[in-house]
Amino acid sequence: MEINNFEQKPISIESLMNRIELLTGKMNRLQDELNLIVKERSAMAIKITDAQSRIQKILNRLPQSSDNRQLNLLENTISETSHDE
């Protein structure tokens, strides 16, 4: 038996092993959750990059201030989006 300096009560090896097992389980669950969060963040970063690319394509189609032409941006965007997906 060992003595816990904080509580001044004897702690058995079995009790310590149980606590270690409990903490190991908690650490494993936290690691799994962290891995999931990292994957989700990576997927979100890809979606953001794709959205930025689509926005830039739309912005590139906008007429310059000196250009008097009208563009049908909605029709062009819908046709491109259906090709992208």
C-alpha atoms as a PDB file:
ATOM      1  CA  MET A   1       0.000   0.000   0.000  1.00  0.00           C
ATOM      2  CA  GLU A   2       1.036   3.514  -0.745  1.00  0.00           C
ATOM      3  CA  ILE A   3       0.088   6.744   0.945  1.00  0.00           C
ATOM      4  CA  ASN A   4      -1.587   9.577  -0.964  1.00  0.00           C
ATOM      5  CA  ASN A   5       0.006  12.783   0.336  1.00  0.00           C
ATOM      6  CA  PHE A   6      -3.127  14.841  -0.314  1.00  0.00           C
ATOM      7  CA  GLU A   7      -5.676  12.714   1.526  1.00  0.00           C
ATOM      8  CA  GLN A   8      -3.345  10.814   3.857  1.00  0.00           C
ATOM      9  CA  LYS A   9      -5.277   7.596   3.131  1.00  0.00           C
ATOM     10  CA  PRO A  10      -3.753   4.366   1.913  1.00  0.00           C
ATOM     11  CA  ILE A  11      -4.325   3.656  -1.785  1.00  0.00           C
ATOM     12  CA  SER A  12      -4.184   0.133  -3.061  1.00  0.00           C
ATOM     13  CA  ILE A  13      -2.474  -0.875  -6.277  1.00  0.00           C
ATOM     14  CA  GLU A  14      -5.832  -2.220  -7.469  1.00  0.00           C
ATOM     15  CA  SER A  15      -7.437   1.176  -6.893  1.00  0.00           C
ATOM     16  CA  LEU A  16      -4.645   2.879  -8.822  1.00  0.00           C
ATOM     17  CA  MET A  17      -4.974   0.376 -11.667  1.00  0.00           C
ATOM     18  CA  ASN A  18      -8.724   1.042 -11.827  1.00  0.00           C
ATOM     19  CA  ARG A  19      -8.119   4.784 -11.980  1.00  0.00           C
ATOM     20  CA  ILE A  20      -5.476   4.350 -14.674  1.00  0.00           C
ATOM     21  CA  GLU A  21      -7.874   2.186 -16.698  1.00  0.00           C
ATOM     22  CA  LEU A  22     -10.624   4.791 -16.343  1.00  0.00           C
ATOM     23  CA  LEU A  23      -8.304   7.619 -17.384  1.00  0.00           C
ATOM     24  CA  THR A  24      -6.968   5.577 -20.308  1.00  0.00           C
ATOM     25  CA  GLY A  25     -10.530   5.071 -21.545  1.00  0.00           C
ATOM     26  CA  LYS A  26     -11.236   8.782 -21.253  1.00  0.00           C
ATOM     27  CA  MET A  27      -8.022   9.644 -23.100  1.00  0.00           C
ATOM     28  CA  ASN A  28      -8.894   7.212 -25.894  1.00  0.00           C
ATOM     29  CA  ARG A  29     -12.364   8.754 -26.291  1.00  0.00           C
ATOM     30  CA  LEU A  30     -10.870  12.242 -26.343  1.00  0.00           C
ATOM     31  CA  GLN A  31      -8.317  11.168 -28.957  1.00  0.00           C
ATOM     32  CA  ASP A  32     -11.107   9.715 -31.113  1.00  0.00           C
ATOM     33  CA  GLU A  33     -13.094  12.942 -30.796  1.00  0.00           C
ATOM     34  CA  LEU A  34     -10.006  14.983 -31.671  1.00  0.00           C
ATOM     35  CA  ASN A  35      -9.379  12.870 -34.769  1.00  0.00           C
ATOM     36  CA  LEU A  36     -12.986  13.398 -35.859  1.00  0.00           C
ATOM     37  CA  ILE A  37     -12.706  17.152 -35.332  1.00  0.00           C
ATOM     38  CA  VAL A  38      -9.507  17.276 -37.397  1.00  0.00           C
ATOM     39  CA  LYS A  39     -11.210  15.372 -40.248  1.00  0.00           C
ATOM     40  CA  GLU A  40     -14.256  17.649 -40.104  1.00  0.00           C
ATOM     41  CA  ARG A  41     -12.049  20.737 -40.123  1.00  0.00           C
ATOM     42  CA  SER A  42     -10.152  19.442 -43.135  1.00  0.00           C
ATOM     43  CA  ALA A  43     -13.412  18.763 -44.984  1.00  0.00           C
ATOM     44  CA  MET A  44     -14.670  22.238 -44.087  1.00  0.00           C
ATOM     45  CA  ALA A  45     -11.445  23.833 -45.351  1.00  0.00           C
ATOM     46  CA  ILE A  46     -11.918  22.058 -48.687  1.00  0.00           C
ATOM     47  CA  LYS A  47     -15.514  23.304 -48.918  1.00  0.00           C
ATOM     48  CA  ILE A  48     -14.400  26.852 -48.125  1.00  0.00           C
ATOM     49  CA  THR A  49     -11.709  26.712 -50.815  1.00  0.00           C
ATOM     50  CA  ASP A  50     -14.245  25.434 -53.355  1.00  0.00           C
ATOM     51  CA  ALA A  51     -16.711  28.179 -52.425  1.00  0.00           C
ATOM     52  CA  GLN A  52     -14.003  30.838 -52.728  1.00  0.00           C
ATOM     53  CA  SER A  53     -13.132  29.501 -56.166  1.00  0.00           C
ATOM     54  CA  ARG A  54     -16.772  29.662 -57.293  1.00  0.00           C
ATOM     55  CA  ILE A  55     -17.120  33.203 -55.945  1.00  0.00           C
ATOM     56  CA  GLN A  56     -13.956  34.259 -57.756  1.00  0.00           C
ATOM     57  CA  LYS A  57     -15.298  32.806 -61.033  1.00  0.00           C
ATOM     58  CA  ILE A  58     -18.472  34.853 -60.601  1.00  0.00           C
ATOM     59  CA  LEU A  59     -16.491  37.990 -59.788  1.00  0.00           C
ATOM     60  CA  ASN A  60     -14.300  37.462 -62.843  1.00  0.00           C
ATOM     61  CA  ARG A  61     -17.432  37.417 -65.032  1.00  0.00           C
ATOM     62  CA  LEU A  62     -18.719  40.728 -63.761  1.00  0.00           C
ATOM     63  CA  PRO A  63     -18.396  43.434 -66.387  1.00  0.00           C
ATOM     64  CA  GLN A  64     -15.794  46.099 -65.883  1.00  0.00           C
ATOM     65  CA  SER A  65     -17.096  49.581 -65.115  1.00  0.00           C
ATOM     66  CA  SER A  66     -16.331  50.589 -68.717  1.00  0.00           C
ATOM     67  CA  ASP A  67     -18.183  47.534 -70.122  1.00  0.00           C
ATOM     68  CA  ASN A  68     -21.872  48.204 -70.858  1.00  0.00           C
ATOM     69  CA  ARG A  69     -22.754  44.558 -71.610  1.00  0.00           C
ATOM     70  CA  GLN A  70     -25.152  42.682 -69.379  1.00  0.00           C
ATOM     71  CA  LEU A  71     -24.365  39.166 -68.206  1.00  0.00           C
ATOM     72  CA  ASN A  72     -26.777  36.478 -67.140  1.00  0.00           C
ATOM     73  CA  LEU A  73     -24.713  35.368 -64.145  1.00  0.00           C
ATOM     74  CA  LEU A  74     -27.396  33.146 -62.669  1.00  0.00           C
ATOM     75  CA  GLU A  75     -27.752  31.058 -65.822  1.00  0.00           C
ATOM     76  CA  ASN A  76     -23.972  30.681 -66.190  1.00  0.00           C
ATOM     77  CA  THR A  77     -23.545  29.763 -62.531  1.00  0.00           C
ATOM     78  CA  ILE A  78     -26.294  27.132 -62.617  1.00  0.00           C
ATOM     79  CA  SER A  79     -24.826  25.425 -65.673  1.00  0.00           C
ATOM     80  CA  GLU A  80     -21.334  25.384 -64.146  1.00  0.00           C
ATOM     81  CA  THR A  81     -22.577  24.173 -60.776  1.00  0.00           C
ATOM     82  CA  SER A  82     -24.352  21.225 -62.353  1.00  0.00           C
ATOM     83  CA  HIS A  83     -21.116  20.304 -64.163  1.00  0.00           C
ATOM     84  CA  ASP A  84     -19.045  20.629 -60.964  1.00  0.00           C
ATOM     85  CA  GLU A  85     -21.283  18.320 -58.919  1.00  0.00           C
END
